[in-house]
Amino acid sequence: MLKIRVDRKSPPIGAKPQPGRAIVRGRNRMIITTPVPDDLWYYLTLLGWREVPVMRDRRRYIDLPSASLEILMRAPSSRREIRYRQLLDQAARIAEARARGRARL
């Protein structure tokens, strides 16, 4: 009614994130473990991945496995999309299993 709440838009494409920083897309988060090659960063930005601009981000994310970036780096560009989808599915299954485990307690 008062238009106080405003939907957040994804930030503009910035420079490649440094190792140790996090990038997010929707509810998914990936930690940058090694320097990202230019072609992989371009691919991820086209998919909507951006560096988190907030220091203490309290939103809840589904964390991708820590080796996700290395897996994507090693994948040939022709199979990168397949590996990317597999990583997202794996992270969703892990998060679902954790949520079911907490629900039983």
C-alpha atoms as a PDB file:
ATOM      1  CA  MET A   1       0.000   0.000   0.000  1.00  0.00           C
ATOM      2  CA  LEU A   2       2.709   2.483   0.970  1.00  0.00           C
ATOM      3  CA  LYS A   3       5.281   0.878  -1.344  1.00  0.00           C
ATOM      4  CA  ILE A   4       7.781   0.688   1.494  1.00  0.00           C
ATOM      5  CA  ARG A   5       9.054  -2.731   0.474  1.00  0.00           C
ATOM      6  CA  VAL A   6      10.863  -2.790  -2.816  1.00  0.00           C
ATOM      7  CA  ASP A   7      11.898  -5.950  -4.645  1.00  0.00           C
ATOM      8  CA  ARG A   8      15.650  -6.294  -4.827  1.00  0.00           C
ATOM      9  CA  LYS A   9      17.142  -6.385  -8.282  1.00  0.00           C
ATOM     10  CA  SER A  10      20.345  -8.214  -8.977  1.00  0.00           C
ATOM     11  CA  PRO A  11      23.333  -5.882  -8.821  1.00  0.00           C
ATOM     12  CA  PRO A  12      25.107  -4.981 -12.049  1.00  0.00           C
ATOM     13  CA  ILE A  13      27.899  -7.182 -13.317  1.00  0.00           C
ATOM     14  CA  GLY A  14      31.057  -6.284 -11.482  1.00  0.00           C
ATOM     15  CA  ALA A  15      34.654  -7.358 -11.468  1.00  0.00           C
ATOM     16  CA  LYS A  16      35.560 -10.955 -10.830  1.00  0.00           C
ATOM     17  CA  PRO A  17      35.326 -11.779  -7.129  1.00  0.00           C
ATOM     18  CA  GLN A  18      38.453 -12.586  -5.154  1.00  0.00           C
ATOM     19  CA  PRO A  19      38.964 -16.017  -3.563  1.00  0.00           C
ATOM     20  CA  GLY A  20      37.114 -16.316  -0.277  1.00  0.00           C
ATOM     21  CA  ARG A  21      34.153 -14.206  -1.414  1.00  0.00           C
ATOM     22  CA  ALA A  22      30.679 -15.566  -2.112  1.00  0.00           C
ATOM     23  CA  ILE A  23      28.561 -15.259  -5.222  1.00  0.00           C
ATOM     24  CA  VAL A  24      24.818 -15.825  -5.222  1.00  0.00           C
ATOM     25  CA  ARG A  25      22.017 -16.510  -7.655  1.00  0.00           C
ATOM     26  CA  GLY A  26      18.558 -16.593  -6.167  1.00  0.00           C
ATOM     27  CA  ARG A  27      18.730 -18.896  -3.153  1.00  0.00           C
ATOM     28  CA  ASN A  28      22.004 -20.554  -4.201  1.00  0.00           C
ATOM     29  CA  ARG A  29      25.431 -19.517  -2.932  1.00  0.00           C
ATOM     30  CA  MET A  30      28.895 -20.552  -4.081  1.00  0.00           C
ATOM     31  CA  ILE A  31      32.166 -19.687  -2.370  1.00  0.00           C
ATOM     32  CA  ILE A  32      35.000 -18.656  -4.685  1.00  0.00           C
ATOM     33  CA  THR A  33      37.930 -20.912  -3.767  1.00  0.00           C
ATOM     34  CA  THR A  34      40.366 -20.092  -6.580  1.00  0.00           C
ATOM     35  CA  PRO A  35      40.730 -17.253  -9.085  1.00  0.00           C
ATOM     36  CA  VAL A  36      37.973 -17.493 -11.695  1.00  0.00           C
ATOM     37  CA  PRO A  37      38.938 -17.587 -15.385  1.00  0.00           C
ATOM     38  CA  ASP A  38      37.395 -14.873 -17.551  1.00  0.00           C
ATOM     39  CA  ASP A  39      35.291 -17.258 -19.646  1.00  0.00           C
ATOM     40  CA  LEU A  40      33.814 -18.974 -16.576  1.00  0.00           C
ATOM     41  CA  TRP A  41      33.017 -15.639 -14.896  1.00  0.00           C
ATOM     42  CA  TYR A  42      31.303 -14.466 -18.088  1.00  0.00           C
ATOM     43  CA  TYR A  43      29.278 -17.709 -18.163  1.00  0.00           C
ATOM     44  CA  LEU A  44      28.248 -17.342 -14.513  1.00  0.00           C
ATOM     45  CA  THR A  45      27.237 -13.696 -14.935  1.00  0.00           C
ATOM     46  CA  LEU A  46      25.065 -14.626 -17.904  1.00  0.00           C
ATOM     47  CA  LEU A  47      23.298 -17.095 -15.613  1.00  0.00           C
ATOM     48  CA  GLY A  48      22.719 -14.340 -13.035  1.00  0.00           C
ATOM     49  CA  TRP A  49      25.469 -15.021 -10.476  1.00  0.00           C
ATOM     50  CA  ARG A  50      26.678 -11.909  -8.659  1.00  0.00           C
ATOM     51  CA  GLU A  51      29.004 -11.161  -5.764  1.00  0.00           C
ATOM     52  CA  VAL A  52      27.234 -10.497  -2.468  1.00  0.00           C
ATOM     53  CA  PRO A  53      27.560  -6.748  -1.861  1.00  0.00           C
ATOM     54  CA  VAL A  54      26.519  -6.994   1.821  1.00  0.00           C
ATOM     55  CA  MET A  55      29.032  -7.878   4.543  1.00  0.00           C
ATOM     56  CA  ARG A  56      26.609  -9.587   6.939  1.00  0.00           C
ATOM     57  CA  ASP A  57      24.034 -11.127   4.672  1.00  0.00           C
ATOM     58  CA  ARG A  58      21.375 -12.782   6.837  1.00  0.00           C
ATOM     59  CA  ARG A  59      19.436 -14.396   4.014  1.00  0.00           C
ATOM     60  CA  ARG A  60      19.328 -18.179   3.929  1.00  0.00           C
ATOM     61  CA  TYR A  61      21.000 -19.863   1.002  1.00  0.00           C
ATOM     62  CA  ILE A  62      21.495 -23.343  -0.380  1.00  0.00           C
ATOM     63  CA  ASP A  63      25.269 -23.715  -0.430  1.00  0.00           C
ATOM     64  CA  LEU A  64      26.792 -25.484  -3.398  1.00  0.00           C
ATOM     65  CA  PRO A  65      29.542 -28.012  -2.581  1.00  0.00           C
ATOM     66  CA  SER A  66      32.932 -26.433  -1.953  1.00  0.00           C
ATOM     67  CA  ALA A  67      34.437 -28.105  -5.033  1.00  0.00           C
ATOM     68  CA  SER A  68      31.772 -26.658  -7.351  1.00  0.00           C
ATOM     69  CA  LEU A  69      33.988 -23.980  -8.835  1.00  0.00           C
ATOM     70  CA  GLU A  70      36.808 -26.426  -9.591  1.00  0.00           C
ATOM     71  CA  ILE A  71      34.333 -28.838 -11.210  1.00  0.00           C
ATOM     72  CA  LEU A  72      33.023 -26.074 -13.457  1.00  0.00           C
ATOM     73  CA  MET A  73      36.550 -24.932 -14.287  1.00  0.00           C
ATOM     74  CA  ARG A  74      37.593 -28.446 -15.333  1.00  0.00           C
ATOM     75  CA  ALA A  75      34.467 -29.082 -17.409  1.00  0.00           C
ATOM     76  CA  PRO A  76      34.824 -28.409 -21.132  1.00  0.00           C
ATOM     77  CA  SER A  77      32.609 -25.565 -22.308  1.00  0.00           C
ATOM     78  CA  SER A  78      30.436 -28.028 -24.255  1.00  0.00           C
ATOM     79  CA  ARG A  79      29.560 -29.930 -21.046  1.00  0.00           C
ATOM     80  CA  ARG A  80      29.575 -27.000 -18.607  1.00  0.00           C
ATOM     81  CA  GLU A  81      25.781 -26.593 -18.638  1.00  0.00           C
ATOM     82  CA  ILE A  82      25.279 -30.272 -17.740  1.00  0.00           C
ATOM     83  CA  ARG A  83      27.771 -30.105 -14.855  1.00  0.00           C
ATOM     84  CA  TYR A  84      26.175 -26.869 -13.651  1.00  0.00           C
ATOM     85  CA  ARG A  85      22.698 -28.454 -13.518  1.00  0.00           C
ATOM     86  CA  GLN A  86      24.109 -31.498 -11.709  1.00  0.00           C
ATOM     87  CA  LEU A  87      25.700 -29.254  -9.056  1.00  0.00           C
ATOM     88  CA  LEU A  88      22.425 -27.390  -8.486  1.00  0.00           C
ATOM     89  CA  ASP A  89      20.490 -30.653  -8.183  1.00  0.00           C
ATOM     90  CA  GLN A  90      23.040 -32.088  -5.753  1.00  0.00           C
ATOM     91  CA  ALA A  91      22.921 -28.969  -3.565  1.00  0.00           C
ATOM     92  CA  ALA A  92      19.108 -29.027  -3.527  1.00  0.00           C
ATOM     93  CA  ARG A  93      19.070 -32.705  -2.488  1.00  0.00           C
ATOM     94  CA  ILE A  94      21.567 -32.076   0.326  1.00  0.00           C
ATOM     95  CA  ALA A  95      19.568 -29.083   1.591  1.00  0.00           C
ATOM     96  CA  GLU A  96      16.338 -31.102   1.472  1.00  0.00           C
ATOM     97  CA  ALA A  97      17.922 -33.987   3.392  1.00  0.00           C
ATOM     98  CA  ARG A  98      19.214 -31.578   6.043  1.00  0.00           C
ATOM     99  CA  ALA A  99      15.778 -29.982   6.375  1.00  0.00           C
ATOM    100  CA  ARG A 100      14.127 -33.395   6.787  1.00  0.00           C
ATOM    101  CA  GLY A 101      16.711 -34.302   9.420  1.00  0.00           C
ATOM    102  CA  ARG A 102      15.928 -31.172  11.419  1.00  0.00           C
ATOM    103  CA  ALA A 103      12.181 -31.756  11.109  1.00  0.00           C
ATOM    104  CA  ARG A 104      12.490 -35.145  12.839  1.00  0.00           C
ATOM    105  CA  LEU A 105      14.174 -33.685  15.924  1.00  0.00           C
END
